[in-house]
Protein backbone atom coordinates (compact mmCIF):
# COMPACT_ATOMS: atom_id res chain seq x y z
CA MET A 1 -23.23 20.30 -2.89
CA LYS A 2 -24.39 16.98 -1.12
CA SER A 3 -21.35 15.16 0.20
CA PRO A 4 -20.45 11.83 -1.40
CA LYS A 5 -20.54 8.42 0.51
CA VAL A 6 -17.14 7.59 -0.48
CA SER A 7 -13.65 9.56 -0.96
CA ILE A 8 -10.96 7.74 -2.60
CA ILE A 9 -7.47 8.86 -1.88
CA ILE A 10 -4.60 8.17 -4.28
CA PRO A 11 -1.44 9.39 -3.16
CA SER A 12 1.05 9.92 -6.19
CA LEU A 13 4.20 11.88 -6.50
CA ASP A 14 3.54 12.77 -10.08
CA GLY A 15 0.04 12.10 -10.40
CA TYR A 16 0.83 9.88 -13.68
CA ARG A 17 2.94 6.82 -12.30
CA GLY A 18 3.60 6.20 -15.94
CA GLY A 19 0.26 6.25 -17.20
CA ASN A 20 -1.42 4.17 -14.43
CA VAL A 21 -3.22 7.12 -12.54
CA PRO A 22 -5.29 7.92 -15.66
CA ARG A 23 -6.04 4.28 -16.29
CA LEU A 24 -7.11 3.80 -12.29
CA ILE A 25 -9.26 6.91 -12.34
CA SER A 26 -11.04 5.78 -15.45
CA ASP A 27 -11.68 2.19 -13.95
CA LEU A 28 -13.16 4.18 -10.69
CA LYS A 29 -15.56 5.91 -12.98
CA LYS A 30 -16.94 2.77 -14.29
CA GLN A 31 -17.41 1.21 -10.98
CA THR A 32 -21.12 0.49 -9.97
CA PHE A 33 -20.86 2.50 -6.80
CA LYS A 34 -21.36 6.10 -8.28
CA ASP A 35 -21.40 7.88 -4.88
CA LEU A 36 -17.97 8.86 -4.51
CA GLU A 37 -15.27 11.69 -5.16
CA ILE A 38 -11.55 10.99 -6.26
CA ASP A 39 -8.72 12.91 -4.84
CA ILE A 40 -5.09 12.74 -6.51
CA VAL A 41 -2.61 13.74 -3.48
CA LYS A 42 0.51 14.76 -5.70
CA GLY A 43 3.89 15.41 -4.55
CA VAL A 44 3.54 14.75 -0.44
CA ARG A 45 5.89 12.42 1.09
CA PRO A 46 5.86 10.11 2.95
CA ASN A 47 2.50 8.12 1.64
CA GLY A 48 1.09 8.44 5.29
CA LYS A 49 1.14 12.18 5.30
CA ALA A 50 -0.33 12.06 1.59
CA ARG A 51 -3.24 10.02 2.81
CA ASN A 52 -3.76 12.45 5.81
CA VAL A 53 -3.82 15.38 3.31
CA GLY A 54 -6.62 13.59 1.36
CA ALA A 55 -8.59 12.47 4.41
CA ARG A 56 -8.46 16.19 5.85
CA LYS A 57 -10.04 17.27 2.53
CA ALA A 58 -12.29 14.37 2.10
CA ARG A 59 -16.19 15.06 2.42
CA GLY A 60 -17.15 11.26 2.33
CA GLU A 61 -17.82 9.26 5.50
CA ILE A 62 -16.00 6.31 4.09
CA LEU A 63 -12.14 6.59 2.88
CA VAL A 64 -11.01 4.22 0.43
CA SER A 65 -7.11 4.50 -0.13
CA ILE A 66 -5.63 3.13 -3.33
CA ASP A 67 -1.98 3.19 -4.20
CA ASP A 68 -1.30 4.70 -7.71
CA ASP A 69 0.33 1.66 -9.33
CA VAL A 70 -2.84 -0.57 -8.77
CA SER A 71 -5.50 -1.43 -11.09
CA ILE A 72 -8.97 -2.57 -9.78
CA GLY A 73 -10.34 -6.25 -10.41
CA HIS A 74 -13.84 -5.38 -11.74
CA ASN A 75 -16.70 -2.79 -11.42
CA GLN A 76 -18.03 -3.90 -8.19
CA VAL A 77 -14.98 -3.58 -5.96
CA ILE A 78 -16.07 -0.33 -4.38
CA GLU A 79 -19.55 -1.31 -4.11
CA ASN A 80 -18.37 -4.42 -2.12
CA LEU A 81 -16.10 -2.57 0.40
CA VAL A 82 -19.06 -0.22 1.18
CA LYS A 83 -21.58 -2.90 1.62
CA TYR A 84 -19.46 -5.12 4.00
CA LEU A 85 -18.24 -2.08 5.95
CA ASP A 86 -21.85 -1.01 6.45
CA SER A 87 -22.89 -4.31 7.38
CA ASP A 88 -20.82 -5.05 10.32
CA LYS A 89 -19.93 -1.92 12.77
CA ASP A 90 -17.24 -4.14 14.25
CA ILE A 91 -15.16 -4.06 11.19
CA GLY A 92 -12.64 -1.11 11.43
CA LEU A 93 -10.77 -1.76 8.04
CA ILE A 94 -11.64 -3.72 4.94
CA GLY A 95 -9.45 -4.51 2.01
CA ILE A 96 -9.22 -6.64 -1.05
CA SER A 97 -7.36 -9.57 -2.63
CA LYS A 98 -4.03 -9.02 -4.39
CA LEU A 99 -2.94 -10.51 -7.78
CA VAL A 100 -0.30 -9.63 -10.16
CA PRO A 101 -1.43 -7.90 -13.34
CA LYS A 102 -2.10 -10.38 -16.30
CA ASP A 103 0.56 -8.76 -18.39
CA SER A 104 3.13 -9.40 -16.03
CA ASN A 105 6.39 -10.76 -17.35
CA TRP A 106 7.90 -14.16 -16.40
CA PHE A 107 10.28 -12.41 -13.81
CA GLN A 108 7.41 -10.67 -12.15
CA ARG A 109 5.04 -14.02 -12.08
CA ARG A 110 7.96 -15.79 -10.36
CA CYS A 111 8.94 -13.02 -7.98
CA ALA A 112 5.10 -13.13 -7.11
CA LYS A 113 5.27 -16.97 -6.34
CA GLU A 114 8.32 -16.74 -4.35
CA ILE A 115 7.99 -13.50 -2.13
CA PRO A 116 5.29 -13.60 0.62
CA ARG A 117 2.80 -10.84 0.68
CA SER A 118 3.08 -10.09 -3.02
CA THR A 119 -0.25 -12.00 -3.68
CA SER A 120 -3.25 -13.24 -1.63
CA PRO A 121 -6.15 -15.79 -2.36
CA ILE A 122 -9.78 -14.64 -3.64
CA TYR A 123 -12.16 -15.45 -0.74
CA GLU A 124 -15.75 -16.55 -1.56
CA ASP A 125 -16.95 -15.34 1.99
CA LEU A 126 -15.88 -12.19 4.50
CA THR A 127 -12.76 -13.31 5.80
CA GLU A 128 -10.86 -11.98 8.94
CA GLY A 129 -7.05 -11.12 8.27
CA ASP A 130 -4.37 -8.89 8.99
CA LEU A 131 -2.36 -8.58 5.74
CA VAL A 132 -4.75 -6.15 3.85
CA ASP A 133 -2.78 -3.08 2.97
CA HIS A 134 -3.03 0.12 0.92
CA THR A 135 -3.18 -1.59 -2.30
CA CYS A 136 -7.01 -0.79 -1.80
CA ILE A 137 -8.38 -0.37 1.87
CA ALA A 138 -11.75 1.25 3.11
CA ILE A 139 -12.17 2.77 6.65
CA ARG A 140 -14.67 5.10 8.07
CA LYS A 141 -13.52 8.56 8.24
CA GLU A 142 -14.78 8.98 11.84
CA LEU A 143 -12.75 5.91 13.12
CA PHE A 144 -9.62 7.03 10.85
CA PHE A 145 -9.49 10.35 12.77
CA LYS A 146 -10.30 8.69 16.07
CA LEU A 147 -7.13 6.73 15.84
CA GLY A 148 -4.98 9.93 15.05
CA MET A 149 -5.13 9.03 11.25
CA GLU A 150 -1.67 7.73 9.57
CA ASN A 151 1.57 8.04 11.40
CA GLU A 152 3.39 10.70 9.23
CA ALA A 153 6.64 10.31 10.98
CA LEU A 154 6.95 6.59 9.51
CA VAL A 155 8.58 6.15 6.10
CA ARG A 156 7.94 2.49 6.20
CA GLY A 157 5.45 0.33 7.80
CA THR A 158 2.28 2.36 7.86
CA ASP A 159 0.33 -0.53 6.89
CA PRO A 160 1.07 -2.80 10.14
CA ASP A 161 0.83 0.36 12.16
CA LEU A 162 -2.71 1.37 11.11
CA ARG A 163 -3.76 -2.36 11.41
CA HIS A 164 -2.23 -2.57 14.84
CA ARG A 165 -4.01 0.51 16.24
CA ILE A 166 -7.33 -0.66 14.70
CA ARG A 167 -6.97 -4.08 16.71
CA ASN A 168 -6.15 -2.25 19.61
CA ALA A 169 -9.28 -0.17 19.49
CA GLY A 170 -11.27 -3.32 19.27
CA TYR A 171 -12.27 -3.62 15.87
CA LYS A 172 -11.90 -6.38 13.02
CA ILE A 173 -10.04 -6.25 10.03
CA ALA A 174 -11.44 -7.98 6.79
CA ILE A 175 -10.98 -9.10 3.25
CA ALA A 176 -14.18 -8.51 1.02
CA PRO A 177 -15.28 -11.44 -0.77
CA ASN A 178 -14.73 -11.95 -4.72
CA SER A 179 -12.81 -8.32 -4.43
CA TRP A 180 -9.27 -8.01 -6.01
CA GLY A 181 -6.72 -5.77 -7.50
CA TYR A 182 -3.83 -6.06 -9.64
CA HIS A 183 -0.60 -4.75 -7.85
CA PRO A 184 2.79 -4.91 -10.04
CA MET A 185 6.07 -6.50 -8.93
CA PRO A 186 9.27 -4.98 -9.80
CA LYS A 187 9.95 -5.50 -13.90
CA ASN A 188 13.44 -6.98 -13.27
CA LEU A 189 16.02 -8.13 -10.83
CA GLY A 190 17.70 -4.51 -10.72
CA VAL A 191 14.51 -3.01 -9.63
CA LEU A 192 13.65 -5.65 -7.30
CA LEU A 193 17.15 -5.47 -5.44
CA LYS A 194 17.01 -1.34 -5.09
CA MET A 195 13.44 -1.66 -3.80
CA PHE A 196 14.25 -4.21 -1.04
CA PHE A 197 17.58 -2.11 -0.38
CA ARG A 198 15.41 0.94 -0.12
CA ASN A 199 12.99 -0.97 2.32
CA GLY A 200 15.82 -2.29 4.50
CA MET A 201 16.79 1.52 4.79
CA GLY A 202 13.30 2.31 5.94
CA SER A 203 13.27 -0.68 8.47
CA ALA A 204 16.39 0.50 9.92
CA TRP A 205 15.09 4.15 10.47
CA VAL A 206 11.97 2.91 12.25
CA GLN A 207 14.11 0.89 14.33
CA ARG A 208 16.22 3.52 15.37
CA HIS A 209 13.57 6.13 15.85
CA TYR A 210 10.51 4.32 16.63
CA PRO A 211 11.56 0.84 17.83
CA GLU A 212 8.21 0.36 19.40
CA LEU A 213 6.57 0.49 15.88
CA ALA A 214 8.93 -2.18 14.24
CA PHE A 215 6.22 -4.75 13.58
CA HIS A 216 6.77 -8.16 12.43
CA ASP A 217 4.30 -9.02 9.92
CA SER A 218 3.00 -12.45 9.24
CA GLU A 219 3.36 -13.94 5.60
CA ASP A 220 -0.20 -14.46 4.76
CA HIS A 221 -3.58 -13.03 5.10
CA THR A 222 -4.96 -15.17 8.02
CA THR A 223 -2.26 -15.88 10.32
CA PRO A 224 -2.96 -13.88 13.51
CA PHE A 225 -0.82 -10.69 13.83
CA LYS A 226 1.41 -10.62 16.87
CA ALA A 227 3.45 -7.45 17.31
CA GLN A 228 7.02 -8.19 17.98
CA THR A 229 9.78 -5.78 18.41
CA LYS A 230 12.68 -7.74 20.03
CA LYS A 231 15.70 -7.63 17.99
CA GLN A 232 16.61 -11.23 18.53
CA PHE A 233 13.38 -12.41 17.47
CA ARG A 234 13.91 -10.42 14.23
CA ILE A 235 17.28 -11.48 13.58
CA VAL A 236 16.32 -15.07 14.04
CA ASN A 237 13.31 -14.97 12.03
CA PHE A 238 15.46 -13.33 9.09
CA ILE A 239 17.90 -16.16 9.31
CA LEU A 240 15.20 -18.69 9.29
CA GLY A 241 13.73 -17.10 6.19
CA LEU A 242 16.90 -17.11 4.27
CA VAL A 243 17.28 -20.71 4.94
CA LYS A 244 13.83 -21.57 3.79
CA SER A 245 14.17 -19.58 0.72
CA LEU A 246 17.34 -21.67 0.04
CA LEU A 247 15.57 -25.02 0.79
CA CYS A 248 12.56 -23.98 -1.61
CA CYS A 249 14.86 -22.82 -4.32
CA HIS A 250 13.36 -19.38 -4.17
CA CYS A 251 16.44 -17.87 -5.51
CA PHE A 252 14.92 -14.28 -6.14
CA TYR A 253 13.38 -14.09 -2.47
CA PHE A 254 16.77 -15.05 -0.93
CA ILE A 255 19.00 -12.28 -3.07
CA SER A 256 16.05 -10.09 -2.25
CA ARG A 257 16.29 -10.48 1.55
CA VAL A 258 20.10 -10.05 1.28
CA SER A 259 19.55 -6.88 -0.28
CA TYR A 260 17.07 -5.78 2.50
CA ALA A 261 19.69 -6.68 5.26
CA LEU A 262 22.33 -4.70 3.28
CA GLY A 263 19.98 -1.85 3.15
CA PHE A 264 19.15 -2.22 6.80
CA VAL A 265 22.93 -2.22 7.57
CA TYR A 266 23.53 0.96 5.37
CA GLY A 267 20.65 2.73 6.98
CA LEU A 268 21.84 1.99 10.47
CA LEU A 269 25.24 3.36 9.79
CA SER A 270 23.97 6.47 7.48
CA GLY A 271 21.01 7.32 9.39
CA LYS A 272 19.30 7.78 6.16
CA SER A 273 15.54 6.65 5.89
CA GLY A 274 15.42 5.84 2.13
CA ASP A 275 12.51 8.05 1.50
CA SER A 276 14.51 10.13 -1.02
CA TRP A 277 17.10 7.52 -1.77
CA TYR A 278 14.68 6.21 -4.74
CA ASP A 279 14.94 9.72 -6.56
CA LYS A 280 18.79 9.09 -7.05
CA ASN A 281 18.36 5.32 -7.83
CA GLY A 282 15.13 5.16 -9.71
CA VAL A 283 13.16 3.03 -7.18
CA GLU A 284 9.62 3.47 -7.51
CA ASN A 285 7.63 4.50 -4.35
CA ARG A 286 5.85 1.35 -3.14
């Protein structure tokens, strides 16, 4: 059989994700770009390893990774990713803008406004930016393998790690014009706090085992990314973030950062990564 142009990889623990995976597959089959295959990688942890499993099986020359809780914004998203990736060989990674689903409740919408990196603008032109993530990204398979694929040891921070290696290899990172997807926020305060606690544990684990990969993300798409691993910088930046959230009356962001800090301290003391912690505590794999 002729190999497809694009291989879409969707890591998913149960292959269902509350019914979103079947809906996502249905959306992908409606895409105007038809030369593709879809692979649901089930039951593999962490997500970086799951994506590598999918990449090794992929027959396409372009890999598109999509999180299993995402919905595609419209029927030309995959076509746009392929078109702009093919049009500029200097682009190493291209992604889409991120919105909250239209059926989000008031809590989810409020959190999306308060918490950085939850959403991003829709751009009219091809725009360089470092905050494209595994919501939906495309990369040439040849480059993906040349870079050493995803870091399977990381339980958190695979996005900044991959982007950093792409930049160091001399490639650009871009956001496709007029292309977006919907990524849900936690449904209530309890889920939000558990998610940030788990993320704090994961960050502590990376700091303990791979401090050179403890990158500091910018808070929007177009601010230049600077790798920063010094503990002093991260502590000061965290405190400033707390103060800023209070001054802006971003209460949910403030308490989520506090939960993150508690998770970080717990992770340092316990040595746990948080990768299996959400099984016990009902935290979605985000």
